C-alpha atoms as a PDB file:
ATOM      1  CA  MET A   1     116.328  26.187  -0.176  1.00  0.00           C
ATOM      2  CA  GLY A   2     117.648  29.128   1.855  1.00  0.00           C
ATOM      3  CA  TYR A   3     117.517  31.531   4.597  1.00  0.00           C
ATOM      4  CA  GLY A   4     116.180  34.996   4.251  1.00  0.00           C
ATOM      5  CA  LEU A   5     114.742  38.043   5.770  1.00  0.00           C
ATOM      6  CA  VAL A   6     111.450  39.779   4.810  1.00  0.00           C
ATOM      7  CA  VAL A   7     111.069  43.693   5.646  1.00  0.00           C
ATOM      8  CA  GLY A   8     108.750  46.482   5.208  1.00  0.00           C
ATOM      9  CA  LEU A   9     106.177  44.484   7.786  1.00  0.00           C
ATOM     10  CA  ALA A  10     103.808  46.560   9.676  1.00  0.00           C
ATOM     11  CA  GLY A  11     104.629  46.118  13.351  1.00  0.00           C
ATOM     12  CA  THR A  12     104.561  42.167  12.496  1.00  0.00           C
ATOM     13  CA  GLY A  13     108.244  41.028  12.450  1.00  0.00           C
ATOM     14  CA  ASP A  14     109.682  39.627  15.006  1.00  0.00           C
ATOM     15  CA  SER A  15     110.280  40.293  18.252  1.00  0.00           C
ATOM     16  CA  GLN A  16     113.666  41.180  20.331  1.00  0.00           C
ATOM     17  CA  GLN A  17     113.358  37.221  21.697  1.00  0.00           C
ATOM     18  CA  THR A  18     114.249  35.873  17.989  1.00  0.00           C
ATOM     19  CA  VAL A  19     117.613  36.922  17.914  1.00  0.00           C
ATOM     20  CA  PHE A  20     118.674  35.241  14.842  1.00  0.00           C
ATOM     21  CA  SER A  21     116.626  38.088  12.693  1.00  0.00           C
ATOM     22  CA  VAL A  22     118.644  40.807  14.230  1.00  0.00           C
ATOM     23  CA  GLN A  23     121.809  39.084  14.012  1.00  0.00           C
ATOM     24  CA  SER A  24     120.933  38.385  10.189  1.00  0.00           C
ATOM     25  CA  LEU A  25     119.910  42.646  10.033  1.00  0.00           C
ATOM     26  CA  THR A  26     122.809  43.571  11.013  1.00  0.00           C
ATOM     27  CA  ASN A  27     124.770  41.107   8.863  1.00  0.00           C
ATOM     28  CA  LEU A  28     123.035  42.596   5.901  1.00  0.00           C
ATOM     29  CA  LEU A  29     123.620  46.102   6.929  1.00  0.00           C
ATOM     30  CA  ALA A  30     127.110  45.397   7.453  1.00  0.00           C
ATOM     31  CA  ARG A  31     127.402  44.262   3.677  1.00  0.00           C
ATOM     32  CA  MET A  32     126.261  47.748   2.982  1.00  0.00           C
ATOM     33  CA  GLY A  33     128.870  49.198   4.688  1.00  0.00           C
ATOM     34  CA  VAL A  34     126.355  50.478   8.081  1.00  0.00           C
ATOM     35  CA  ALA A  35     128.297  48.897  11.264  1.00  0.00           C
ATOM     36  CA  VAL A  36     125.049  48.403  13.944  1.00  0.00           C
ATOM     37  CA  SER A  37     125.660  46.387  17.042  1.00  0.00           C
ATOM     38  CA  PRO A  38     122.708  43.438  17.136  1.00  0.00           C
ATOM     39  CA  THR A  39     122.673  44.866  21.027  1.00  0.00           C
ATOM     40  CA  THR A  40     121.462  48.362  19.857  1.00  0.00           C
ATOM     41  CA  ILE A  41     118.923  47.879  17.797  1.00  0.00           C
ATOM     42  CA  ALA A  42     115.216  47.079  17.906  1.00  0.00           C
ATOM     43  CA  VAL A  43     113.220  46.519  14.867  1.00  0.00           C
ATOM     44  CA  HIS A  44     109.910  45.465  14.227  1.00  0.00           C
ATOM     45  CA  ASN A  45     109.179  45.584  10.507  1.00  0.00           C
ATOM     46  CA  THR A  46     111.610  42.888   9.450  1.00  0.00           C
ATOM     47  CA  ALA A  47     111.186  38.418   9.869  1.00  0.00           C
ATOM     48  CA  ALA A  48     113.258  35.652   9.554  1.00  0.00           C
ATOM     49  CA  VAL A  49     112.196  33.029   6.868  1.00  0.00           C
ATOM     50  CA  LEU A  50     113.006  30.042   5.109  1.00  0.00           C
ATOM     51  CA  VAL A  51     112.561  29.990   1.332  1.00  0.00           C
ATOM     52  CA  THR A  52     111.469  26.683  -0.390  1.00  0.00           C
ATOM     53  CA  ALA A  53     110.933  26.250  -3.899  1.00  0.00           C
ATOM     54  CA  ASP A  54     110.590  23.288  -6.872  1.00  0.00           C
ATOM     55  CA  LEU A  55     113.662  23.185  -9.476  1.00  0.00           C
ATOM     56  CA  PRO A  56     112.404  21.803 -12.446  1.00  0.00           C
ATOM     57  CA  ALA A  57     114.309  19.002 -14.626  1.00  0.00           C
ATOM     58  CA  PHE A  58     116.181  21.098 -17.575  1.00  0.00           C
ATOM     59  CA  ALA A  59     115.767  24.613 -16.534  1.00  0.00           C
ATOM     60  CA  GLN A  60     118.129  26.854 -17.940  1.00  0.00           C
ATOM     61  CA  PRO A  61     119.476  29.887 -16.374  1.00  0.00           C
ATOM     62  CA  GLY A  62     116.862  32.712 -16.391  1.00  0.00           C
ATOM     63  CA  THR A  63     114.283  30.650 -16.168  1.00  0.00           C
ATOM     64  CA  ARG A  64     112.126  32.308 -13.229  1.00  0.00           C
ATOM     65  CA  ILE A  65     110.388  29.792 -10.874  1.00  0.00           C
ATOM     66  CA  ASP A  66     108.084  30.447  -7.895  1.00  0.00           C
ATOM     67  CA  ILE A  67     109.003  30.552  -4.007  1.00  0.00           C
ATOM     68  CA  THR A  68     106.834  29.718  -0.988  1.00  0.00           C
ATOM     69  CA  VAL A  69     108.120  31.767   2.072  1.00  0.00           C
ATOM     70  CA  GLY A  70     107.017  30.662   6.200  1.00  0.00           C
ATOM     71  CA  ALA A  71     108.349  32.506   8.861  1.00  0.00           C
ATOM     72  CA  ILE A  72     110.442  30.761  11.678  1.00  0.00           C
ATOM     73  CA  GLY A  73     110.268  32.966  14.135  1.00  0.00           C
ATOM     74  CA  ASP A  74     107.504  34.568  16.034  1.00  0.00           C
ATOM     75  CA  SER A  75     106.556  37.134  13.399  1.00  0.00           C
ATOM     76  CA  LYS A  76     102.161  37.057  13.325  1.00  0.00           C
ATOM     77  CA  ASN A  77     101.856  38.243   9.532  1.00  0.00           C
ATOM     78  CA  LEU A  78     104.319  38.443   6.814  1.00  0.00           C
ATOM     79  CA  GLN A  79     101.621  40.638   3.891  1.00  0.00           C
ATOM     80  CA  GLY A  80     102.721  43.616   3.103  1.00  0.00           C
ATOM     81  CA  GLY A  81     106.072  41.653   3.146  1.00  0.00           C
ATOM     82  CA  ILE A  82     109.369  41.706   0.745  1.00  0.00           C
ATOM     83  CA  LEU A  83     111.924  39.218   0.621  1.00  0.00           C
ATOM     84  CA  VAL A  84     114.952  40.588   0.207  1.00  0.00           C
ATOM     85  CA  MET A  85     117.541  38.964  -1.965  1.00  0.00           C
ATOM     86  CA  THR A  86     117.906  35.169  -1.121  1.00  0.00           C
ATOM     87  CA  PRO A  87     120.320  32.267  -2.055  1.00  0.00           C
ATOM     88  CA  LEU A  88     118.734  29.214  -3.040  1.00  0.00           C
ATOM     89  CA  LYS A  89     120.929  26.214  -2.417  1.00  0.00           C
ATOM     90  CA  GLY A  90     120.256  22.456  -3.531  1.00  0.00           C
ATOM     91  CA  ALA A  91     120.838  19.655  -1.205  1.00  0.00           C
ATOM     92  CA  ASP A  92     124.721  19.261  -2.960  1.00  0.00           C
ATOM     93  CA  GLY A  93     125.179  22.688  -0.888  1.00  0.00           C
ATOM     94  CA  GLN A  94     125.702  24.577  -4.262  1.00  0.00           C
ATOM     95  CA  THR A  95     123.643  27.683  -5.195  1.00  0.00           C
ATOM     96  CA  TYR A  96     121.308  27.462  -8.065  1.00  0.00           C
ATOM     97  CA  ALA A  97     119.331  30.020  -7.663  1.00  0.00           C
ATOM     98  CA  ALA A  98     118.490  33.908  -6.177  1.00  0.00           C
ATOM     99  CA  ALA A  99     114.555  34.544  -4.725  1.00  0.00           C
ATOM    100  CA  GLN A 100     113.374  37.920  -4.235  1.00  0.00           C
ATOM    101  CA  GLY A 101     110.063  39.741  -4.147  1.00  0.00           C
ATOM    102  CA  SER A 102     107.019  40.660  -3.072  1.00  0.00           C
ATOM    103  CA  VAL A 103     105.231  38.237  -0.507  1.00  0.00           C
ATOM    104  CA  VAL A 104     101.495  37.555  -1.031  1.00  0.00           C
ATOM    105  CA  THR A 105      99.742  35.784   2.140  1.00  0.00           C
ATOM    106  CA  GLY A 106      96.140  33.546   1.252  1.00  0.00           C
ATOM    107  CA  GLY A 107      95.179  35.501   4.504  1.00  0.00           C
ATOM    108  CA  PHE A 108      95.980  38.402   7.166  1.00  0.00           C
ATOM    109  CA  ALA A 109      95.793  39.029  10.377  1.00  0.00           C
ATOM    110  CA  ALA A 110      94.166  41.834  12.677  1.00  0.00           C
ATOM    111  CA  SER A 111      93.422  42.723  16.386  1.00  0.00           C
ATOM    112  CA  GLY A 112      92.689  45.795  18.227  1.00  0.00           C
ATOM    113  CA  GLY A 113      92.484  47.171  21.691  1.00  0.00           C
ATOM    114  CA  ARG A 114      91.319  44.698  24.256  1.00  0.00           C
ATOM    115  CA  GLY A 115      92.006  41.842  23.410  1.00  0.00           C
ATOM    116  CA  ASN A 116      90.088  41.507  20.086  1.00  0.00           C
ATOM    117  CA  ALA A 117      91.621  39.898  17.300  1.00  0.00           C
ATOM    118  CA  ARG A 118      90.847  38.366  14.078  1.00  0.00           C
ATOM    119  CA  VAL A 119      92.665  35.761  12.142  1.00  0.00           C
ATOM    120  CA  VAL A 120      91.847  34.540   8.151  1.00  0.00           C
ATOM    121  CA  ASN A 121      93.841  31.452   7.111  1.00  0.00           C
ATOM    122  CA  HIS A 122      97.746  31.427   7.557  1.00  0.00           C
ATOM    123  CA  PRO A 123      99.486  35.063   7.643  1.00  0.00           C
ATOM    124  CA  THR A 124     102.815  33.494   8.390  1.00  0.00           C
ATOM    125  CA  ALA A 125     103.423  31.647   5.422  1.00  0.00           C
ATOM    126  CA  GLY A 126     103.400  33.197   1.861  1.00  0.00           C
ATOM    127  CA  ARG A 127     104.533  32.666  -1.833  1.00  0.00           C
ATOM    128  CA  VAL A 128     106.782  35.084  -4.280  1.00  0.00           C
ATOM    129  CA  PRO A 129     104.992  34.376  -7.542  1.00  0.00           C
ATOM    130  CA  ASN A 130     107.904  33.936 -10.702  1.00  0.00           C
ATOM    131  CA  GLY A 131     110.063  34.609  -7.064  1.00  0.00           C
ATOM    132  CA  ALA A 132     113.130  33.219  -8.845  1.00  0.00           C
ATOM    133  CA  ILE A 133     115.629  33.505 -11.153  1.00  0.00           C
ATOM    134  CA  VAL A 134     117.539  30.074 -11.739  1.00  0.00           C
ATOM    135  CA  GLU A 135     121.546  31.516 -11.969  1.00  0.00           C
ATOM    136  CA  LYS A 136     123.162  27.468 -12.395  1.00  0.00           C
ATOM    137  CA  LEU A 137     121.520  24.202 -14.880  1.00  0.00           C
ATOM    138  CA  PRO A 138     120.917  21.639 -12.256  1.00  0.00           C
ATOM    139  CA  PRO A 139     122.234  18.190 -12.621  1.00  0.00           C
ATOM    140  CA  SER A 140     120.467  16.128 -15.564  1.00  0.00           C
ATOM    141  CA  VAL A 141     121.351  13.077 -17.525  1.00  0.00           C
ATOM    142  CA  GLU A 142     119.995  13.132 -21.327  1.00  0.00           C
ATOM    143  CA  PRO A 143     118.825   9.884 -22.318  1.00  0.00           C
ATOM    144  CA  ARG A 144     120.679   8.683 -25.166  1.00  0.00           C
ATOM    145  CA  ASP A 145     120.608   5.028 -25.955  1.00  0.00           C
ATOM    146  CA  SER A 146     118.092   3.906 -24.020  1.00  0.00           C
ATOM    147  CA  ILE A 147     114.993   5.481 -22.117  1.00  0.00           C
ATOM    148  CA  LYS A 148     113.587   4.471 -18.733  1.00  0.00           C
ATOM    149  CA  LEU A 149     109.446   5.041 -18.723  1.00  0.00           C
ATOM    150  CA  GLN A 150     108.356   4.652 -14.903  1.00  0.00           C
ATOM    151  CA  LEU A 151     104.878   3.995 -13.920  1.00  0.00           C
ATOM    152  CA  ARG A 152     103.628   6.534 -11.522  1.00  0.00           C
ATOM    153  CA  GLN A 153     101.733   3.535 -10.751  1.00  0.00           C
ATOM    154  CA  ALA A 154     103.056   0.595 -10.688  1.00  0.00           C
ATOM    155  CA  ASP A 155     100.357  -2.421 -12.920  1.00  0.00           C
ATOM    156  CA  PHE A 156     101.624  -5.329 -14.857  1.00  0.00           C
ATOM    157  CA  THR A 157      98.847  -4.967 -17.286  1.00  0.00           C
ATOM    158  CA  THR A 158      99.565  -1.253 -17.745  1.00  0.00           C
ATOM    159  CA  ALA A 159     103.399  -1.647 -18.371  1.00  0.00           C
ATOM    160  CA  GLY A 160     102.833  -4.862 -20.348  1.00  0.00           C
ATOM    161  CA  ARG A 161     100.511  -2.400 -23.015  1.00  0.00           C
ATOM    162  CA  ILE A 162     102.711   0.095 -22.840  1.00  0.00           C
ATOM    163  CA  ALA A 163     105.767  -2.146 -24.548  1.00  0.00           C
ATOM    164  CA  ALA A 164     103.502  -3.091 -26.928  1.00  0.00           C
ATOM    165  CA  ALA A 165     102.370   0.167 -27.856  1.00  0.00           C
ATOM    166  CA  VAL A 166     106.441   1.016 -28.477  1.00  0.00           C
ATOM    167  CA  ASN A 167     106.926  -1.584 -30.199  1.00  0.00           C
ATOM    168  CA  ARG A 168     104.131  -0.932 -32.903  1.00  0.00           C
ATOM    169  CA  LYS A 169     105.505   2.492 -33.244  1.00  0.00           C
ATOM    170  CA  PHE A 170     108.808   1.837 -33.467  1.00  0.00           C
ATOM    171  CA  GLY A 171     109.925  -1.500 -34.340  1.00  0.00           C
ATOM    172  CA  ASP A 172     109.887  -4.351 -36.473  1.00  0.00           C
ATOM    173  CA  ALA A 173     109.849  -8.002 -37.384  1.00  0.00           C
ATOM    174  CA  ASN A 174     113.369  -7.692 -36.064  1.00  0.00           C
ATOM    175  CA  SER A 175     113.697  -5.584 -33.709  1.00  0.00           C
ATOM    176  CA  GLN A 176     111.795  -4.962 -30.495  1.00  0.00           C
ATOM    177  CA  PRO A 177     113.012  -1.936 -29.236  1.00  0.00           C
ATOM    178  CA  ALA A 178     110.544  -1.842 -25.648  1.00  0.00           C
ATOM    179  CA  HIS A 179     110.807  -4.699 -22.479  1.00  0.00           C
ATOM    180  CA  ALA A 180     109.116  -4.466 -19.763  1.00  0.00           C
ATOM    181  CA  GLU A 181     111.189  -4.625 -17.028  1.00  0.00           C
ATOM    182  CA  ASN A 182     108.934  -4.988 -13.637  1.00  0.00           C
ATOM    183  CA  SER A 183     105.522  -3.732 -13.172  1.00  0.00           C
ATOM    184  CA  ALA A 184     106.638  -0.186 -13.086  1.00  0.00           C
ATOM    185  CA  LEU A 185     109.682   0.443 -15.301  1.00  0.00           C
ATOM    186  CA  ILE A 186     110.189  -0.030 -19.358  1.00  0.00           C
ATOM    187  CA  SER A 187     113.010   0.533 -20.876  1.00  0.00           C
ATOM    188  CA  VAL A 188     113.271   1.501 -24.457  1.00  0.00           C
ATOM    189  CA  GLU A 189     115.882   1.391 -27.042  1.00  0.00           C
ATOM    190  CA  THR A 190     116.413   4.688 -28.917  1.00  0.00           C
ATOM    191  CA  PRO A 191     115.602   3.543 -32.796  1.00  0.00           C
ATOM    192  CA  PRO A 192     118.969   4.514 -35.106  1.00  0.00           C
ATOM    193  CA  GLY A 193     117.339   6.530 -36.719  1.00  0.00           C
ATOM    194  CA  TYR A 194     116.779   9.015 -33.315  1.00  0.00           C
ATOM    195  CA  LYS A 195     120.140   8.197 -31.942  1.00  0.00           C
ATOM    196  CA  THR A 196     121.152  11.974 -32.289  1.00  0.00           C
ATOM    197  CA  ARG A 197     117.197  13.482 -32.039  1.00  0.00           C
ATOM    198  CA  VAL A 198     116.385  12.308 -28.800  1.00  0.00           C
ATOM    199  CA  VAL A 199     113.999  14.928 -28.256  1.00  0.00           C
ATOM    200  CA  GLU A 200     111.649  14.267 -31.335  1.00  0.00           C
ATOM    201  CA  PHE A 201     111.795  10.718 -29.995  1.00  0.00           C
ATOM    202  CA  LEU A 202     110.761  11.504 -25.707  1.00  0.00           C
ATOM    203  CA  GLY A 203     107.807  13.775 -27.851  1.00  0.00           C
ATOM    204  CA  GLU A 204     106.738  10.838 -30.179  1.00  0.00           C
ATOM    205  CA  LEU A 205     106.666   8.932 -27.576  1.00  0.00           C
ATOM    206  CA  GLU A 206     104.669  11.058 -25.611  1.00  0.00           C
ATOM    207  CA  ASP A 207     101.901  11.397 -28.805  1.00  0.00           C
ATOM    208  CA  LEU A 208     100.896   7.199 -27.667  1.00  0.00           C
ATOM    209  CA  SER A 209      97.908   6.320 -26.453  1.00  0.00           C
ATOM    210  CA  VAL A 210      97.771   3.598 -23.737  1.00  0.00           C
ATOM    211  CA  ASP A 211      94.668   1.974 -22.093  1.00  0.00           C
ATOM    212  CA  THR A 212      95.587   2.010 -18.346  1.00  0.00           C
ATOM    213  CA  ASP A 213      94.499  -0.777 -16.195  1.00  0.00           C
ATOM    214  CA  SER A 214      92.630   0.736 -13.107  1.00  0.00           C
ATOM    215  CA  PRO A 215      92.652  -1.539 -10.576  1.00  0.00           C
ATOM    216  CA  ALA A 216      88.911  -1.984  -8.556  1.00  0.00           C
ATOM    217  CA  ARG A 217      89.078   0.035  -5.357  1.00  0.00           C
ATOM    218  CA  ILE A 218      87.044   1.408  -2.757  1.00  0.00           C
ATOM    219  CA  VAL A 219      88.324   4.224  -1.038  1.00  0.00           C
ATOM    220  CA  VAL A 220      86.836   5.095   2.361  1.00  0.00           C
ATOM    221  CA  ASN A 221      87.228   8.114   5.000  1.00  0.00           C
ATOM    222  CA  GLU A 222      85.886   7.130   8.321  1.00  0.00           C
ATOM    223  CA  ARG A 223      86.584  10.282   9.934  1.00  0.00           C
ATOM    224  CA  THR A 224      83.683  12.180   7.911  1.00  0.00           C
ATOM    225  CA  GLY A 225      82.022   9.762   6.417  1.00  0.00           C
ATOM    226  CA  THR A 226      82.822  10.263   2.718  1.00  0.00           C
ATOM    227  CA  ILE A 227      83.105   6.400   0.191  1.00  0.00           C
ATOM    228  CA  VAL A 228      84.765   6.821  -3.384  1.00  0.00           C
ATOM    229  CA  MET A 229      84.460   3.864  -5.757  1.00  0.00           C
ATOM    230  CA  GLY A 230      84.745   2.637  -9.252  1.00  0.00           C
ATOM    231  CA  LYS A 231      81.811   1.763 -11.165  1.00  0.00           C
ATOM    232  CA  ASP A 232      83.897  -1.956 -11.947  1.00  0.00           C
ATOM    233  CA  VAL A 233      83.702  -2.957  -8.588  1.00  0.00           C
ATOM    234  CA  ARG A 234      81.238  -6.124  -8.427  1.00  0.00           C
ATOM    235  CA  ILE A 235      79.995  -8.225  -5.515  1.00  0.00           C
ATOM    236  CA  SER A 236      79.685 -11.417  -5.098  1.00  0.00           C
ATOM    237  CA  PRO A 237      76.097 -13.184  -4.316  1.00  0.00           C
ATOM    238  CA  VAL A 238      75.291 -12.424  -0.595  1.00  0.00           C
ATOM    239  CA  ALA A 239      72.626 -11.300   1.761  1.00  0.00           C
ATOM    240  CA  ILE A 240      73.172  -8.426   3.992  1.00  0.00           C
ATOM    241  CA  LEU A 241      70.831  -8.227   7.760  1.00  0.00           C
ATOM    242  CA  HIS A 242      71.825  -4.935   9.200  1.00  0.00           C
ATOM    243  CA  GLY A 243      70.088  -2.884  12.097  1.00  0.00           C
ATOM    244  CA  THR A 244      70.851  -1.052  15.006  1.00  0.00           C
ATOM    245  CA  LEU A 245      70.896  -1.759  19.067  1.00  0.00           C
ATOM    246  CA  THR A 246      71.015   0.941  21.411  1.00  0.00           C
ATOM    247  CA  VAL A 247      71.526   1.228  24.620  1.00  0.00           C
ATOM    248  CA  GLU A 248      70.504   4.246  27.081  1.00  0.00           C
ATOM    249  CA  ILE A 249      71.937   4.518  30.636  1.00  0.00           C
ATOM    250  CA  GLN A 250      70.014   7.057  32.574  1.00  0.00           C
ATOM    251  CA  THR A 251      70.993   7.987  36.143  1.00  0.00           C
ATOM    252  CA  THR A 252      69.029   9.899  38.251  1.00  0.00           C
ATOM    253  CA  PHE A 253      69.832  11.370  41.740  1.00  0.00           C
ATOM    254  CA  ASN A 254      67.532  11.722  44.490  1.00  0.00           C
ATOM    255  CA  THR A 255      67.731  13.390  47.643  1.00  0.00           C
ATOM    256  CA  SER A 256      66.279  12.084  50.578  1.00  0.00           C
ATOM    257  CA  GLN A 257      65.435  14.180  53.155  1.00  0.00           C
ATOM    258  CA  PRO A 258      64.127  12.775  56.904  1.00  0.00           C
ATOM    259  CA  GLY A 259      61.736  14.880  58.835  1.00  0.00           C
ATOM    260  CA  PRO A 260      62.383  17.449  61.133  1.00  0.00           C
ATOM    261  CA  LEU A 261      63.972  16.726  64.741  1.00  0.00           C
ATOM    262  CA  SER A 262      64.302  13.407  63.288  1.00  0.00           C
ATOM    263  CA  PRO A 263      68.353  12.040  63.738  1.00  0.00           C
ATOM    264  CA  GLY A 264      68.292  10.786  60.193  1.00  0.00           C
ATOM    265  CA  GLN A 265      70.498  12.516  57.964  1.00  0.00           C
ATOM    266  CA  THR A 266      70.177  14.107  54.353  1.00  0.00           C
ATOM    267  CA  THR A 267      71.283  11.668  51.621  1.00  0.00           C
ATOM    268  CA  VAL A 268      71.892  11.227  47.916  1.00  0.00           C
ATOM    269  CA  THR A 269      70.204   7.790  46.122  1.00  0.00           C
ATOM    270  CA  PRO A 270      70.878   7.582  42.424  1.00  0.00           C
ATOM    271  CA  ASP A 271      68.205   6.246  40.318  1.00  0.00           C
ATOM    272  CA  VAL A 272      69.726   4.042  37.736  1.00  0.00           C
ATOM    273  CA  LYS A 273      66.992   3.282  34.366  1.00  0.00           C
ATOM    274  CA  VAL A 274      68.987   1.291  31.589  1.00  0.00           C
ATOM    275  CA  ASP A 275      66.930   1.436  28.366  1.00  0.00           C
ATOM    276  CA  THR A 276      67.813  -1.066  25.463  1.00  0.00           C
ATOM    277  CA  LYS A 277      65.761  -0.653  21.550  1.00  0.00           C
ATOM    278  CA  GLU A 278      66.652  -2.611  18.702  1.00  0.00           C
ATOM    279  CA  GLU A 279      65.659  -1.850  15.436  1.00  0.00           C
ATOM    280  CA  LYS A 280      64.372  -4.568  13.049  1.00  0.00           C
ATOM    281  CA  ALA A 281      66.663  -6.025  10.942  1.00  0.00           C
ATOM    282  CA  ARG A 282      66.612  -4.382   7.247  1.00  0.00           C
ATOM    283  CA  ASN A 283      67.758  -6.977   4.703  1.00  0.00           C
ATOM    284  CA  VAL A 284      68.748  -6.438   1.170  1.00  0.00           C
ATOM    285  CA  ILE A 285      69.503  -9.253  -1.031  1.00  0.00           C
ATOM    286  CA  LEU A 286      72.198  -8.358  -4.261  1.00  0.00           C
ATOM    287  CA  LYS A 287      72.636 -11.191  -7.300  1.00  0.00           C
ATOM    288  CA  GLN A 288      75.439 -12.494  -9.130  1.00  0.00           C
ATOM    289  CA  GLY A 289      76.675  -9.216 -10.592  1.00  0.00           C
ATOM    290  CA  ALA A 290      75.699  -6.308  -8.241  1.00  0.00           C
ATOM    291  CA  SER A 291      77.724  -3.697  -7.964  1.00  0.00           C
ATOM    292  CA  VAL A 292      78.807  -1.663  -5.197  1.00  0.00           C
ATOM    293  CA  GLU A 293      77.038   1.523  -6.532  1.00  0.00           C
ATOM    294  CA  GLU A 294      73.746  -0.862  -6.438  1.00  0.00           C
ATOM    295  CA  LEU A 295      74.528  -1.873  -3.292  1.00  0.00           C
ATOM    296  CA  VAL A 296      74.946   1.505  -1.780  1.00  0.00           C
ATOM    297  CA  ARG A 297      71.204   2.812  -3.733  1.00  0.00           C
ATOM    298  CA  ALA A 298      69.730  -0.519  -1.813  1.00  0.00           C
ATOM    299  CA  LEU A 299      71.561   0.594   1.256  1.00  0.00           C
ATOM    300  CA  THR A 300      70.396   4.388   1.081  1.00  0.00           C
ATOM    301  CA  ALA A 301      66.738   3.485   0.794  1.00  0.00           C
ATOM    302  CA  ILE A 302      66.533   0.990   3.450  1.00  0.00           C
ATOM    303  CA  GLY A 303      67.479   4.306   5.560  1.00  0.00           C
ATOM    304  CA  SER A 304      71.117   3.475   5.713  1.00  0.00           C
ATOM    305  CA  THR A 305      73.555   6.134   7.017  1.00  0.00           C
ATOM    306  CA  ALA A 306      77.191   6.800   5.583  1.00  0.00           C
ATOM    307  CA  ARG A 307      78.799   5.375   8.546  1.00  0.00           C
ATOM    308  CA  ASP A 308      76.182   1.853   8.371  1.00  0.00           C
ATOM    309  CA  ILE A 309      77.253   1.634   4.449  1.00  0.00           C
ATOM    310  CA  ILE A 310      81.168   1.930   5.876  1.00  0.00           C
ATOM    311  CA  ALA A 311      80.416  -0.976   8.304  1.00  0.00           C
ATOM    312  CA  ILE A 312      79.004  -3.354   5.740  1.00  0.00           C
ATOM    313  CA  LEU A 313      81.649  -2.756   3.238  1.00  0.00           C
ATOM    314  CA  GLN A 314      83.916  -3.842   5.604  1.00  0.00           C
ATOM    315  CA  SER A 315      82.022  -6.424   6.540  1.00  0.00           C
ATOM    316  CA  LEU A 316      81.675  -7.787   2.995  1.00  0.00           C
ATOM    317  CA  LYS A 317      85.078  -7.106   2.330  1.00  0.00           C
ATOM    318  CA  ALA A 318      86.134  -9.374   5.333  1.00  0.00           C
ATOM    319  CA  ALA A 319      83.754 -12.047   3.993  1.00  0.00           C
ATOM    320  CA  GLY A 320      85.486 -11.849   0.497  1.00  0.00           C
ATOM    321  CA  ALA A 321      82.342 -10.757  -1.084  1.00  0.00           C
ATOM    322  CA  ILE A 322      83.566  -7.371  -2.652  1.00  0.00           C
ATOM    323  CA  GLN A 323      86.000  -8.259  -5.409  1.00  0.00           C
ATOM    324  CA  ALA A 324      87.985  -4.790  -5.025  1.00  0.00           C
ATOM    325  CA  GLU A 325      90.806  -3.364  -2.710  1.00  0.00           C
ATOM    326  CA  LEU A 326      89.190  -1.150   0.685  1.00  0.00           C
ATOM    327  CA  GLU A 327      91.457   1.525   1.964  1.00  0.00           C
ATOM    328  CA  VAL A 328      90.349   3.250   4.706  1.00  0.00           C
ATOM    329  CA  ILE A 329      91.979   6.893   4.878  1.00  0.00           C
END
C-alpha cells in the first residue's frame, strides 16, 4: 500500500479543511524546486488517496499489476484524475512497486444549482489497470526437497484422494512420496529425478485430476429469502404440517360529543377489534431417500413462500431429518 496524490480533478478535490493533502502537494512541489507555503495556496483539483495492490508470488521486476485508489479526504469525485508516482510498500516497510496512471472510476457525480445532484455508484474510489510496476522481488521460498499442498476447503476424503493420485503417478512399491498430514495439508517429497526440475514437477502435479468430496450443504439467506442447495442433500422419512396463524389488531378512535349546553366534555374513546385467522394446515409426506429439491417442489406446490420454506428447513434440521449442513447467512 502507499499514500499518494491524484491531480487533474475538475474542482472535486479536497478542500482546505483536509490539511494533509495541501501539505503533500507543497512537499511534492518542493522536491521539484518550487517553494510554496501551505497557507498561501488554495487548490481544489488535488485529492489525497491511499493506493493498494496485490503483489503476486514470484513477480519479477518490470511486471505490471493493477492498483486500487481510494480517497481519504473530503474529495467528492476522482473521475478524470491522474495518480502521481506513488511508492508501494509491503508489511516489512520496503518498497516493492511504484504506481502511477489515470484513475478509472466506476461511477460519476454531477450537481447543479439549488441543491440538485446525482451520484451513480461510488465515484471516490477507482482502479488503474496495470498502474504499478514491480521494482523488487517479493520474498518467496522455492521448494526443493518437499512440497506442501494446501486445500482451499479442508476435507479428509479429498486429502486422501490427492495423496493416492500423487503416489500412483510418481510412486512405486518401495516409495510413496505423498501422504496427507491432516484434512487440509498434503506433503509431497520431490522425486529424485525432479530435484533440479521442481517447476516441471509442479506442472505435472497440476495436471493430475482428483474428484473432490463435496459436503452436503444448504445455504439460506433470510434477508433476501434465497435458498441454495445441492442435489445430494437427502431427507429422512418425515411428515410436515405447516399452517399460518394471523392475528390482526385494529384500533378505531371514536369521538363522544355531548349535547349543546350540557355539562359534559368531549372525549375520545378507543374501539379495539381483535381478529384472528388461522389457515388450514397443509401437509407434505416424503418417503425414504427424498431430496431437498423434491421437498421444495412439494412445498411450492401447496403455496409455501420462500420464507415458509426457510422456516421448515430450519425445523427439519432441528429435528435431525436433514442429512446436511444448514448455513444461515
